[in-house]
Amino acid sequence: MIEYWTGALCASLAGHDKGELFVIIGESKEYVSLVNGECRSLDRPKKKKKKHIQIIHDEEERKRKSLIEDGRIRDEEIRSMIRSYKRRSQS
């Protein structure tokens, strides 16, 4: 069984945003709420079925989870974390 958790980085597998990276900020039975800090900000998260995303494990998971749970995360930080992951994965 695949686990989904707040702060996890994920890639969209289906839809018009296929291939885009997001951060999970909420989870329910069948759906997750996703943000990327740009077109999907914290005040307008995207609701997507769990089967349409792929979890990406990285070393900043704990930092993101703690910031989201404390309510201290901002769109700028989400954008920065996604950019940082892209730079590390291209190296």
PDB file of N, CA and C in Angstrom:
ATOM      1  N   MET A   1       0.830  -1.187   0.000  1.00  0.00           N
ATOM      2  CA  MET A   1       0.000   0.000   0.000  1.00  0.00           C
ATOM      3  C   MET A   1       0.874   1.249   0.000  1.00  0.00           C
ATOM      4  N   ILE A   2       0.577   2.168  -0.856  1.00  0.00           N
ATOM      5  CA  ILE A   2       1.334   3.404  -0.966  1.00  0.00           C
ATOM      6  C   ILE A   2       0.863   4.373   0.110  1.00  0.00           C
ATOM      7  N   GLU A   3       1.826   5.015   0.766  1.00  0.00           N
ATOM      8  CA  GLU A   3       1.502   6.008   1.787  1.00  0.00           C
ATOM      9  C   GLU A   3       1.633   7.407   1.206  1.00  0.00           C
ATOM     10  N   TYR A   4       0.722   8.275   1.613  1.00  0.00           N
ATOM     11  CA  TYR A   4       0.728   9.676   1.203  1.00  0.00           C
ATOM     12  C   TYR A   4       0.770  10.499   2.477  1.00  0.00           C
ATOM     13  N   TRP A   5       1.625  11.492   2.542  1.00  0.00           N
ATOM     14  CA  TRP A   5       1.741  12.281   3.758  1.00  0.00           C
ATOM     15  C   TRP A   5       1.982  13.750   3.431  1.00  0.00           C
ATOM     16  N   THR A   6       1.640  14.590   4.386  1.00  0.00           N
ATOM     17  CA  THR A   6       1.828  16.026   4.259  1.00  0.00           C
ATOM     18  C   THR A   6       3.318  16.325   4.124  1.00  0.00           C
ATOM     19  N   GLY A   7       3.661  17.172   3.176  1.00  0.00           N
ATOM     20  CA  GLY A   7       5.046  17.559   2.954  1.00  0.00           C
ATOM     21  C   GLY A   7       5.758  16.742   1.905  1.00  0.00           C
ATOM     22  N   ALA A   8       5.131  15.683   1.412  1.00  0.00           N
ATOM     23  CA  ALA A   8       5.775  14.845   0.399  1.00  0.00           C
ATOM     24  C   ALA A   8       5.809  15.556  -0.947  1.00  0.00           C
ATOM     25  N   LEU A   9       6.887  15.394  -1.653  1.00  0.00           N
ATOM     26  CA  LEU A   9       7.020  15.905  -3.008  1.00  0.00           C
ATOM     27  C   LEU A   9       6.443  14.850  -3.939  1.00  0.00           C
ATOM     28  N   CYS A  10       5.713  15.274  -4.968  1.00  0.00           N
ATOM     29  CA  CYS A  10       5.133  14.302  -5.888  1.00  0.00           C
ATOM     30  C   CYS A  10       5.085  14.871  -7.301  1.00  0.00           C
ATOM     31  N   ALA A  11       4.966  13.961  -8.241  1.00  0.00           N
ATOM     32  CA  ALA A  11       4.836  14.328  -9.651  1.00  0.00           C
ATOM     33  C   ALA A  11       3.462  13.896 -10.129  1.00  0.00           C
ATOM     34  N   SER A  12       2.856  14.722 -10.953  1.00  0.00           N
ATOM     35  CA  SER A  12       1.557  14.401 -11.530  1.00  0.00           C
ATOM     36  C   SER A  12       1.752  13.402 -12.666  1.00  0.00           C
ATOM     37  N   LEU A  13       0.928  12.353 -12.666  1.00  0.00           N
ATOM     38  CA  LEU A  13       1.023  11.320 -13.703  1.00  0.00           C
ATOM     39  C   LEU A  13      -0.046  11.450 -14.774  1.00  0.00           C
ATOM     40  N   ALA A  14      -1.073  12.272 -14.522  1.00  0.00           N
ATOM     41  CA  ALA A  14      -2.187  12.380 -15.458  1.00  0.00           C
ATOM     42  C   ALA A  14      -2.767  13.784 -15.421  1.00  0.00           C
ATOM     43  N   GLY A  15      -3.440  14.136 -16.500  1.00  0.00           N
ATOM     44  CA  GLY A  15      -4.089  15.438 -16.583  1.00  0.00           C
ATOM     45  C   GLY A  15      -3.245  16.448 -17.326  1.00  0.00           C
ATOM     46  N   HIS A  16      -3.747  17.679 -17.395  1.00  0.00           N
ATOM     47  CA  HIS A  16      -3.030  18.724 -18.134  1.00  0.00           C
ATOM     48  C   HIS A  16      -1.732  19.135 -17.452  1.00  0.00           C
ATOM     49  N   ASP A  17      -1.574  18.772 -16.171  1.00  0.00           N
ATOM     50  CA  ASP A  17      -0.362  19.102 -15.429  1.00  0.00           C
ATOM     51  C   ASP A  17       0.605  17.922 -15.334  1.00  0.00           C
ATOM     52  N   LYS A  18       0.477  16.951 -16.212  1.00  0.00           N
ATOM     53  CA  LYS A  18       1.319  15.749 -16.206  1.00  0.00           C
ATOM     54  C   LYS A  18       2.797  16.139 -16.218  1.00  0.00           C
ATOM     55  N   GLY A  19       3.564  15.544 -15.302  1.00  0.00           N
ATOM     56  CA  GLY A  19       4.992  15.824 -15.219  1.00  0.00           C
ATOM     57  C   GLY A  19       5.351  16.958 -14.284  1.00  0.00           C
ATOM     58  N   GLU A  20       4.381  17.744 -13.843  1.00  0.00           N
ATOM     59  CA  GLU A  20       4.637  18.853 -12.918  1.00  0.00           C
ATOM     60  C   GLU A  20       4.913  18.325 -11.522  1.00  0.00           C
ATOM     61  N   LEU A  21       5.711  19.061 -10.754  1.00  0.00           N
ATOM     62  CA  LEU A  21       6.000  18.704  -9.374  1.00  0.00           C
ATOM     63  C   LEU A  21       5.123  19.509  -8.424  1.00  0.00           C
ATOM     64  N   PHE A  22       4.677  18.859  -7.352  1.00  0.00           N
ATOM     65  CA  PHE A  22       3.823  19.479  -6.350  1.00  0.00           C
ATOM     66  C   PHE A  22       4.254  19.018  -4.960  1.00  0.00           C
ATOM     67  N   VAL A  23       3.755  19.719  -3.939  1.00  0.00           N
ATOM     68  CA  VAL A  23       3.924  19.314  -2.552  1.00  0.00           C
ATOM     69  C   VAL A  23       2.534  19.023  -1.999  1.00  0.00           C
ATOM     70  N   ILE A  24       2.399  17.916  -1.279  1.00  0.00           N
ATOM     71  CA  ILE A  24       1.120  17.548  -0.674  1.00  0.00           C
ATOM     72  C   ILE A  24       0.921  18.358   0.605  1.00  0.00           C
ATOM     73  N   ILE A  25      -0.211  19.064   0.697  1.00  0.00           N
ATOM     74  CA  ILE A  25      -0.504  19.814   1.918  1.00  0.00           C
ATOM     75  C   ILE A  25      -1.701  19.247   2.665  1.00  0.00           C
ATOM     76  N   GLY A  26      -2.392  18.289   2.087  1.00  0.00           N
ATOM     77  CA  GLY A  26      -3.533  17.671   2.740  1.00  0.00           C
ATOM     78  C   GLY A  26      -3.857  16.343   2.092  1.00  0.00           C
ATOM     79  N   GLU A  27      -4.561  15.494   2.850  1.00  0.00           N
ATOM     80  CA  GLU A  27      -4.873  14.165   2.345  1.00  0.00           C
ATOM     81  C   GLU A  27      -6.216  13.711   2.899  1.00  0.00           C
ATOM     82  N   SER A  28      -7.009  13.092   2.045  1.00  0.00           N
ATOM     83  CA  SER A  28      -8.260  12.488   2.478  1.00  0.00           C
ATOM     84  C   SER A  28      -8.273  11.052   1.959  1.00  0.00           C
ATOM     85  N   LYS A  29      -9.401  10.401   2.019  1.00  0.00           N
ATOM     86  CA  LYS A  29      -9.468   8.987   1.651  1.00  0.00           C
ATOM     87  C   LYS A  29      -8.997   8.716   0.220  1.00  0.00           C
ATOM     88  N   GLU A  30      -9.512   9.471  -0.738  1.00  0.00           N
ATOM     89  CA  GLU A  30      -9.221   9.207  -2.138  1.00  0.00           C
ATOM     90  C   GLU A  30      -8.402  10.313  -2.815  1.00  0.00           C
ATOM     91  N   TYR A  31      -8.335  11.488  -2.196  1.00  0.00           N
ATOM     92  CA  TYR A  31      -7.708  12.650  -2.811  1.00  0.00           C
ATOM     93  C   TYR A  31      -6.572  13.222  -1.961  1.00  0.00           C
ATOM     94  N   VAL A  32      -5.704  13.983  -2.636  1.00  0.00           N
ATOM     95  CA  VAL A  32      -4.691  14.783  -1.953  1.00  0.00           C
ATOM     96  C   VAL A  32      -4.837  16.219  -2.430  1.00  0.00           C
ATOM     97  N   SER A  33      -4.412  17.163  -1.601  1.00  0.00           N
ATOM     98  CA  SER A  33      -4.389  18.575  -1.973  1.00  0.00           C
ATOM     99  C   SER A  33      -2.953  18.938  -2.288  1.00  0.00           C
ATOM    100  N   LEU A  34      -2.736  19.495  -3.473  1.00  0.00           N
ATOM    101  CA  LEU A  34      -1.390  19.767  -3.966  1.00  0.00           C
ATOM    102  C   LEU A  34      -1.170  21.254  -4.213  1.00  0.00           C
ATOM    103  N   VAL A  35       0.061  21.718  -3.957  1.00  0.00           N
ATOM    104  CA  VAL A  35       0.447  23.092  -4.266  1.00  0.00           C
ATOM    105  C   VAL A  35       1.830  23.079  -4.911  1.00  0.00           C
ATOM    106  N   ASN A  36       2.085  24.105  -5.722  1.00  0.00           N
ATOM    107  CA  ASN A  36       3.427  24.265  -6.282  1.00  0.00           C
ATOM    108  C   ASN A  36       3.958  25.685  -6.087  1.00  0.00           C
ATOM    109  N   GLY A  37       3.181  26.536  -5.441  1.00  0.00           N
ATOM    110  CA  GLY A  37       3.637  27.891  -5.151  1.00  0.00           C
ATOM    111  C   GLY A  37       3.475  28.848  -6.312  1.00  0.00           C
ATOM    112  N   GLU A  38       3.083  28.368  -7.461  1.00  0.00           N
ATOM    113  CA  GLU A  38       2.910  29.235  -8.630  1.00  0.00           C
ATOM    114  C   GLU A  38       1.429  29.302  -8.973  1.00  0.00           C
ATOM    115  N   CYS A  39       0.992  28.498  -9.947  1.00  0.00           N
ATOM    116  CA  CYS A  39      -0.419  28.527 -10.330  1.00  0.00           C
ATOM    117  C   CYS A  39      -1.299  27.865  -9.286  1.00  0.00           C
ATOM    118  N   ARG A  40      -0.733  26.997  -8.482  1.00  0.00           N
ATOM    119  CA  ARG A  40      -1.458  26.366  -7.374  1.00  0.00           C
ATOM    120  C   ARG A  40      -0.810  26.799  -6.071  1.00  0.00           C
ATOM    121  N   SER A  41      -1.370  27.867  -5.490  1.00  0.00           N
ATOM    122  CA  SER A  41      -0.825  28.429  -4.261  1.00  0.00           C
ATOM    123  C   SER A  41      -1.509  27.813  -3.045  1.00  0.00           C
ATOM    124  N   LEU A  42      -1.048  28.182  -1.867  1.00  0.00           N
ATOM    125  CA  LEU A  42      -1.599  27.635  -0.630  1.00  0.00           C
ATOM    126  C   LEU A  42      -3.077  27.966  -0.448  1.00  0.00           C
ATOM    127  N   ASP A  43      -3.519  29.085  -0.981  1.00  0.00           N
ATOM    128  CA  ASP A  43      -4.935  29.440  -0.837  1.00  0.00           C
ATOM    129  C   ASP A  43      -5.801  28.852  -1.955  1.00  0.00           C
ATOM    130  N   ARG A  44      -5.178  28.207  -2.953  1.00  0.00           N
ATOM    131  CA  ARG A  44      -5.914  27.545  -4.031  1.00  0.00           C
ATOM    132  C   ARG A  44      -5.286  26.201  -4.372  1.00  0.00           C
ATOM    133  N   PRO A  45      -5.271  25.239  -3.447  1.00  0.00           N
ATOM    134  CA  PRO A  45      -4.635  23.948  -3.746  1.00  0.00           C
ATOM    135  C   PRO A  45      -5.415  23.150  -4.784  1.00  0.00           C
ATOM    136  N   LYS A  46      -4.707  22.285  -5.470  1.00  0.00           N
ATOM    137  CA  LYS A  46      -5.320  21.409  -6.473  1.00  0.00           C
ATOM    138  C   LYS A  46      -5.713  20.097  -5.801  1.00  0.00           C
ATOM    139  N   LYS A  47      -6.929  19.653  -6.047  1.00  0.00           N
ATOM    140  CA  LYS A  47      -7.409  18.381  -5.535  1.00  0.00           C
ATOM    141  C   LYS A  47      -7.195  17.343  -6.631  1.00  0.00           C
ATOM    142  N   LYS A  48      -6.470  16.278  -6.297  1.00  0.00           N
ATOM    143  CA  LYS A  48      -6.137  15.274  -7.308  1.00  0.00           C
ATOM    144  C   LYS A  48      -6.250  13.883  -6.693  1.00  0.00           C
ATOM    145  N   LYS A  49      -6.710  12.925  -7.497  1.00  0.00           N
ATOM    146  CA  LYS A  49      -6.811  11.545  -7.026  1.00  0.00           C
ATOM    147  C   LYS A  49      -5.412  10.990  -6.750  1.00  0.00           C
ATOM    148  N   LYS A  50      -5.336  10.186  -5.710  1.00  0.00           N
ATOM    149  CA  LYS A  50      -4.052   9.618  -5.305  1.00  0.00           C
ATOM    150  C   LYS A  50      -3.428   8.760  -6.400  1.00  0.00           C
ATOM    151  N   LYS A  51      -4.255   8.071  -7.157  1.00  0.00           N
ATOM    152  CA  LYS A  51      -3.705   7.190  -8.190  1.00  0.00           C
ATOM    153  C   LYS A  51      -3.066   7.966  -9.337  1.00  0.00           C
ATOM    154  N   HIS A  52      -3.255   9.270  -9.377  1.00  0.00           N
ATOM    155  CA  HIS A  52      -2.698  10.092 -10.457  1.00  0.00           C
ATOM    156  C   HIS A  52      -1.429  10.838 -10.071  1.00  0.00           C
ATOM    157  N   ILE A  53      -0.824  10.466  -8.928  1.00  0.00           N
ATOM    158  CA  ILE A  53       0.443  11.088  -8.540  1.00  0.00           C
ATOM    159  C   ILE A  53       1.471  10.026  -8.183  1.00  0.00           C
ATOM    160  N   GLN A  54       2.741  10.406  -8.250  1.00  0.00           N
ATOM    161  CA  GLN A  54       3.863   9.540  -7.882  1.00  0.00           C
ATOM    162  C   GLN A  54       4.661  10.252  -6.803  1.00  0.00           C
ATOM    163  N   ILE A  55       4.807   9.623  -5.625  1.00  0.00           N
ATOM    164  CA  ILE A  55       5.576  10.196  -4.529  1.00  0.00           C
ATOM    165  C   ILE A  55       7.063  10.173  -4.881  1.00  0.00           C
ATOM    166  N   ILE A  56       7.762  11.264  -4.551  1.00  0.00           N
ATOM    167  CA  ILE A  56       9.205  11.366  -4.762  1.00  0.00           C
ATOM    168  C   ILE A  56       9.850  11.532  -3.389  1.00  0.00           C
ATOM    169  N   HIS A  57      10.736  10.609  -3.043  1.00  0.00           N
ATOM    170  CA  HIS A  57      11.422  10.684  -1.749  1.00  0.00           C
ATOM    171  C   HIS A  57      12.684  11.529  -1.903  1.00  0.00           C
ATOM    172  N   ASP A  58      12.841  12.513  -1.008  1.00  0.00           N
ATOM    173  CA  ASP A  58      14.045  13.331  -1.002  1.00  0.00           C
ATOM    174  C   ASP A  58      14.390  13.712   0.429  1.00  0.00           C
ATOM    175  N   GLU A  59      15.534  14.381   0.600  1.00  0.00           N
ATOM    176  CA  GLU A  59      16.026  14.666   1.949  1.00  0.00           C
ATOM    177  C   GLU A  59      15.331  15.842   2.641  1.00  0.00           C
ATOM    178  N   GLU A  60      14.491  16.590   1.951  1.00  0.00           N
ATOM    179  CA  GLU A  60      13.816  17.737   2.569  1.00  0.00           C
ATOM    180  C   GLU A  60      12.391  17.429   3.027  1.00  0.00           C
ATOM    181  N   GLU A  61      11.997  16.167   3.034  1.00  0.00           N
ATOM    182  CA  GLU A  61      10.634  15.787   3.425  1.00  0.00           C
ATOM    183  C   GLU A  61      10.277  16.261   4.828  1.00  0.00           C
ATOM    184  N   ARG A  62      11.164  16.017   5.762  1.00  0.00           N
ATOM    185  CA  ARG A  62      10.883  16.390   7.163  1.00  0.00           C
ATOM    186  C   ARG A  62      10.741  17.894   7.325  1.00  0.00           C
ATOM    187  N   LYS A  63      11.593  18.645   6.646  1.00  0.00           N
ATOM    188  CA  LYS A  63      11.528  20.108   6.738  1.00  0.00           C
ATOM    189  C   LYS A  63      10.185  20.619   6.220  1.00  0.00           C
ATOM    190  N   ARG A  64       9.764  20.120   5.049  1.00  0.00           N
ATOM    191  CA  ARG A  64       8.476  20.545   4.482  1.00  0.00           C
ATOM    192  C   ARG A  64       7.318  20.167   5.394  1.00  0.00           C
ATOM    193  N   LYS A  65       7.340  18.944   5.906  1.00  0.00           N
ATOM    194  CA  LYS A  65       6.253  18.476   6.771  1.00  0.00           C
ATOM    195  C   LYS A  65       6.141  19.346   8.012  1.00  0.00           C
ATOM    196  N   SER A  66       7.251  19.655   8.629  1.00  0.00           N
ATOM    197  CA  SER A  66       7.227  20.473   9.845  1.00  0.00           C
ATOM    198  C   SER A  66       6.730  21.885   9.559  1.00  0.00           C
ATOM    199  N   LEU A  67       7.157  22.488   8.458  1.00  0.00           N
ATOM    200  CA  LEU A  67       6.698  23.838   8.108  1.00  0.00           C
ATOM    201  C   LEU A  67       5.198  23.867   7.814  1.00  0.00           C
ATOM    202  N   ILE A  68       4.701  22.863   7.116  1.00  0.00           N
ATOM    203  CA  ILE A  68       3.277  22.804   6.775  1.00  0.00           C
ATOM    204  C   ILE A  68       2.442  22.589   8.033  1.00  0.00           C
ATOM    205  N   GLU A  69       2.860  21.663   8.875  1.00  0.00           N
ATOM    206  CA  GLU A  69       2.091  21.389  10.087  1.00  0.00           C
ATOM    207  C   GLU A  69       2.074  22.578  11.043  1.00  0.00           C
ATOM    208  N   ASP A  70       3.157  23.350  11.077  1.00  0.00           N
ATOM    209  CA  ASP A  70       3.218  24.535  11.936  1.00  0.00           C
ATOM    210  C   ASP A  70       2.486  25.723  11.320  1.00  0.00           C
ATOM    211  N   GLY A  71       2.133  25.614  10.040  1.00  0.00           N
ATOM    212  CA  GLY A  71       1.460  26.708   9.346  1.00  0.00           C
ATOM    213  C   GLY A  71       2.397  27.846   8.988  1.00  0.00           C
ATOM    214  N   ARG A  72       3.693  27.553   8.947  1.00  0.00           N
ATOM    215  CA  ARG A  72       4.682  28.599   8.665  1.00  0.00           C
ATOM    216  C   ARG A  72       5.203  28.572   7.239  1.00  0.00           C
ATOM    217  N   ILE A  73       4.670  27.722   6.404  1.00  0.00           N
ATOM    218  CA  ILE A  73       5.168  27.621   5.025  1.00  0.00           C
ATOM    219  C   ILE A  73       4.521  28.699   4.154  1.00  0.00           C
ATOM    220  N   ARG A  74       5.271  29.178   3.178  1.00  0.00           N
ATOM    221  CA  ARG A  74       4.767  30.186   2.235  1.00  0.00           C
ATOM    222  C   ARG A  74       4.998  29.678   0.814  1.00  0.00           C
ATOM    223  N   ASP A  75       4.276  30.272  -0.115  1.00  0.00           N
ATOM    224  CA  ASP A  75       4.397  29.862  -1.525  1.00  0.00           C
ATOM    225  C   ASP A  75       5.831  29.993  -2.023  1.00  0.00           C
ATOM    226  N   GLU A  76       6.539  31.035  -1.584  1.00  0.00           N
ATOM    227  CA  GLU A  76       7.922  31.244  -2.020  1.00  0.00           C
ATOM    228  C   GLU A  76       8.809  30.078  -1.600  1.00  0.00           C
ATOM    229  N   GLU A  77       8.588  29.567  -0.389  1.00  0.00           N
ATOM    230  CA  GLU A  77       9.392  28.443   0.092  1.00  0.00           C
ATOM    231  C   GLU A  77       9.087  27.167  -0.692  1.00  0.00           C
ATOM    232  N   ILE A  78       7.836  26.972  -1.041  1.00  0.00           N
ATOM    233  CA  ILE A  78       7.460  25.797  -1.835  1.00  0.00           C
ATOM    234  C   ILE A  78       8.132  25.857  -3.199  1.00  0.00           C
ATOM    235  N   ARG A  79       8.067  27.019  -3.850  1.00  0.00           N
ATOM    236  CA  ARG A  79       8.732  27.177  -5.150  1.00  0.00           C
ATOM    237  C   ARG A  79      10.222  26.895  -5.029  1.00  0.00           C
ATOM    238  N   SER A  80      10.837  27.421  -3.977  1.00  0.00           N
ATOM    239  CA  SER A  80      12.267  27.239  -3.765  1.00  0.00           C
ATOM    240  C   SER A  80      12.618  25.764  -3.562  1.00  0.00           C
ATOM    241  N   MET A  81      11.809  25.046  -2.807  1.00  0.00           N
ATOM    242  CA  MET A  81      12.066  23.624  -2.556  1.00  0.00           C
ATOM    243  C   MET A  81      11.928  22.801  -3.831  1.00  0.00           C
ATOM    244  N   ILE A  82      10.950  23.124  -4.656  1.00  0.00           N
ATOM    245  CA  ILE A  82      10.768  22.404  -5.921  1.00  0.00           C
ATOM    246  C   ILE A  82      11.940  22.698  -6.856  1.00  0.00           C
ATOM    247  N   ARG A  83      12.352  23.972  -6.948  1.00  0.00           N
ATOM    248  CA  ARG A  83      13.511  24.334  -7.778  1.00  0.00           C
ATOM    249  C   ARG A  83      14.772  23.624  -7.300  1.00  0.00           C
ATOM    250  N   SER A  84      14.958  23.571  -5.979  1.00  0.00           N
ATOM    251  CA  SER A  84      16.113  22.923  -5.396  1.00  0.00           C
ATOM    252  C   SER A  84      16.145  21.443  -5.755  1.00  0.00           C
ATOM    253  N   TYR A  85      15.005  20.778  -5.671  1.00  0.00           N
ATOM    254  CA  TYR A  85      14.934  19.353  -6.037  1.00  0.00           C
ATOM    255  C   TYR A  85      15.276  19.176  -7.520  1.00  0.00           C
ATOM    256  N   LYS A  86      14.750  20.026  -8.374  1.00  0.00           N
ATOM    257  CA  LYS A  86      15.036  19.911  -9.819  1.00  0.00           C
ATOM    258  C   LYS A  86      16.531  20.062 -10.093  1.00  0.00           C
ATOM    259  N   ARG A  87      17.179  21.023  -9.421  1.00  0.00           N
ATOM    260  CA  ARG A  87      18.629  21.210  -9.613  1.00  0.00           C
ATOM    261  C   ARG A  87      19.409  19.980  -9.152  1.00  0.00           C
ATOM    262  N   ARG A  88      19.041  19.426  -7.994  1.00  0.00           N
ATOM    263  CA  ARG A  88      19.744  18.251  -7.473  1.00  0.00           C
ATOM    264  C   ARG A  88      19.537  17.038  -8.377  1.00  0.00           C
ATOM    265  N   SER A  89      18.340  16.870  -8.925  1.00  0.00           N
ATOM    266  CA  SER A  89      18.065  15.693  -9.747  1.00  0.00           C
ATOM    267  C   SER A  89      18.711  15.782 -11.124  1.00  0.00           C
ATOM    268  N   GLN A  90      19.023  16.994 -11.585  1.00  0.00           N
ATOM    269  CA  GLN A  90      19.669  17.148 -12.890  1.00  0.00           C
ATOM    270  C   GLN A  90      21.166  16.941 -12.816  1.00  0.00           C
ATOM    271  N   SER A  91      21.727  17.037 -11.622  1.00  0.00           N
ATOM    272  CA  SER A  91      23.196  16.885 -11.457  1.00  0.00           C
ATOM    273  C   SER A  91      23.636  15.465 -11.569  1.00  0.00           C
TER     274      SER A  91
END
